[in-house]
Amino acid sequence: MKSRLITLSAACVVLFATLSFGQAPDAGAKNDERHNRWRHKRGNPVEHLTKALDLTPEQQAKIKPIIEQAKPQMKAARQESRQKMQAIRDNTMAQIRPILTPAQQQKFDAIQKARENMRKAREEMREALKQ
């Protein structure tokens, strides 16, 4: 009984730890929205460099296309990272589930479904706020 409790506790900890990293986004538009919010908070990188390094207008003109050229590569790297994280989460869940009893598996599945429903609700809320 004690070992089952420890196993269940460990499974729950792993479940919540892996799911707390967030869900992979479903659409490119949502990625852009997240990126734009983050960039808005962060500001324009050329402006930051100009202030920090006292860049001349010529330097700014040379740096801006370099940053613009890197954006698609950075976006692709973030997407790839999200996909890898999702694969790791899926693999972790697939390894945990067979260890559980049927009753625990039901609860485990319910927790995962609830997390997915929460993610969808957040997505719907964001969409409604955009309109």
Protein backbone atom coordinates (compact mmCIF):
# COMPACT_ATOMS: atom_id res chain seq x y z
CA MET A 1 0.00 0.00 0.00
CA LYS A 2 2.79 2.39 0.93
CA SER A 3 4.67 1.70 -2.32
CA ARG A 4 1.49 2.36 -4.33
CA LEU A 5 1.05 5.67 -2.55
CA ILE A 6 4.66 6.61 -3.27
CA THR A 7 4.27 5.58 -6.91
CA LEU A 8 1.05 7.56 -7.27
CA SER A 9 2.59 10.59 -5.58
CA ALA A 10 5.64 10.41 -7.83
CA ALA A 11 3.44 10.05 -10.89
CA CYS A 12 1.37 13.07 -9.90
CA VAL A 13 4.47 15.14 -9.27
CA VAL A 14 5.90 14.19 -12.66
CA LEU A 15 2.54 14.81 -14.33
CA PHE A 16 2.11 18.26 -12.88
CA ALA A 17 5.77 19.14 -13.39
CA THR A 18 5.73 18.18 -17.05
CA LEU A 19 2.35 19.77 -17.71
CA SER A 20 3.32 22.97 -15.94
CA PHE A 21 5.74 23.74 -18.76
CA GLY A 22 2.65 24.62 -20.79
CA GLN A 23 1.05 23.17 -23.84
CA ALA A 24 2.45 23.52 -27.33
CA PRO A 25 0.55 26.15 -29.30
CA ASP A 26 -1.69 24.96 -32.10
CA ALA A 27 -1.54 27.85 -34.54
CA GLY A 28 1.10 30.15 -35.97
CA ALA A 29 -1.10 33.17 -35.29
CA LYS A 30 -1.07 32.38 -31.61
CA ASN A 31 2.73 32.15 -31.74
CA ASP A 32 2.90 35.56 -33.37
CA GLU A 33 0.55 36.99 -30.75
CA ARG A 34 2.70 35.65 -27.91
CA HIS A 35 5.84 36.88 -29.61
CA ASN A 36 4.37 40.33 -30.19
CA ARG A 37 3.24 40.64 -26.55
CA TRP A 38 6.69 39.63 -25.37
CA ARG A 39 8.37 41.95 -27.85
CA HIS A 40 6.06 44.78 -26.85
CA LYS A 41 7.13 44.38 -23.23
CA ARG A 42 10.73 44.04 -24.27
CA GLY A 43 10.75 46.81 -26.84
CA ASN A 44 12.60 47.16 -30.09
CA PRO A 45 16.01 45.44 -30.01
CA VAL A 46 17.61 48.10 -32.21
CA GLU A 47 16.38 50.80 -29.83
CA HIS A 48 17.80 48.90 -26.86
CA LEU A 49 21.15 48.50 -28.58
CA THR A 50 21.12 52.15 -29.62
CA LYS A 51 20.54 53.28 -26.05
CA ALA A 52 22.99 50.81 -24.50
CA LEU A 53 25.79 51.25 -27.05
CA ASP A 54 25.08 54.74 -28.36
CA LEU A 55 24.79 53.48 -31.93
CA THR A 56 25.10 55.86 -34.83
CA PRO A 57 22.30 56.01 -37.45
CA GLU A 58 24.59 54.13 -39.88
CA GLN A 59 25.13 51.37 -37.33
CA GLN A 60 21.39 51.17 -36.69
CA ALA A 61 20.74 50.87 -40.42
CA LYS A 62 23.22 47.97 -40.67
CA ILE A 63 22.00 46.18 -37.53
CA LYS A 64 18.25 46.35 -38.27
CA PRO A 65 18.35 43.99 -41.32
CA ILE A 66 20.53 41.53 -39.39
CA ILE A 67 17.92 41.34 -36.64
CA GLU A 68 15.07 41.13 -39.16
CA GLN A 69 16.84 38.29 -40.99
CA ALA A 70 17.26 36.35 -37.74
CA LYS A 71 13.57 36.58 -36.74
CA PRO A 72 12.28 33.67 -38.87
CA GLN A 73 15.15 31.47 -37.70
CA MET A 74 14.42 32.29 -34.07
CA LYS A 75 10.70 31.65 -34.59
CA ALA A 76 11.47 28.25 -36.15
CA ALA A 77 13.83 27.38 -33.28
CA ARG A 78 11.14 28.27 -30.70
CA GLN A 79 8.58 26.13 -32.54
CA GLU A 80 11.01 23.22 -32.74
CA SER A 81 11.72 23.55 -29.04
CA ARG A 82 7.99 23.54 -28.23
CA GLN A 83 7.52 20.42 -30.33
CA LYS A 84 10.42 18.67 -28.59
CA MET A 85 9.03 19.60 -25.17
CA GLN A 86 5.61 18.25 -26.16
CA ALA A 87 7.21 15.00 -27.35
CA ILE A 88 9.02 14.67 -24.02
CA ARG A 89 5.79 15.30 -22.09
CA ASP A 90 3.91 12.76 -24.21
CA ASN A 91 6.66 10.18 -23.74
CA THR A 92 6.70 10.79 -19.98
CA MET A 93 2.95 10.34 -19.72
CA ALA A 94 3.09 7.18 -21.84
CA GLN A 95 5.68 5.72 -19.46
CA ILE A 96 3.78 6.66 -16.31
CA ARG A 97 0.33 5.45 -17.34
CA PRO A 98 1.11 1.67 -17.50
CA ILE A 99 2.54 1.80 -13.97
CA LEU A 100 -0.80 2.93 -12.58
CA THR A 101 -3.73 0.78 -11.54
CA PRO A 102 -6.89 1.02 -13.67
CA ALA A 103 -8.47 3.38 -11.12
CA GLN A 104 -5.34 5.53 -11.09
CA GLN A 105 -5.27 5.52 -14.88
CA GLN A 106 -8.82 6.87 -14.94
CA LYS A 107 -7.85 9.67 -12.59
CA PHE A 108 -4.65 10.31 -14.55
CA ASP A 109 -6.66 10.56 -17.79
CA ALA A 110 -9.16 12.89 -16.12
CA ILE A 111 -6.34 15.16 -14.96
CA GLN A 112 -4.89 15.28 -18.47
CA LYS A 113 -8.32 15.98 -19.97
CA ALA A 114 -8.93 18.77 -17.45
CA ARG A 115 -5.57 20.34 -18.33
CA GLU A 116 -6.44 20.18 -22.03
CA ASN A 117 -9.86 21.73 -21.38
CA MET A 118 -8.22 24.55 -19.42
CA ARG A 119 -5.76 25.16 -22.25
CA LYS A 120 -8.61 25.31 -24.77
CA ALA A 121 -10.59 27.67 -22.54
CA ARG A 122 -7.58 30.01 -22.27
CA GLU A 123 -7.18 29.89 -26.04
CA GLU A 124 -10.88 30.72 -26.57
CA MET A 125 -10.63 33.57 -24.08
CA ARG A 126 -7.62 35.03 -25.92
CA GLU A 127 -9.49 34.77 -29.21
CA ALA A 128 -12.53 36.51 -27.74
CA LEU A 129 -10.38 39.31 -26.35
CA LYS A 130 -8.76 39.89 -29.75
CA GLN A 131 -12.13 40.62 -31.38
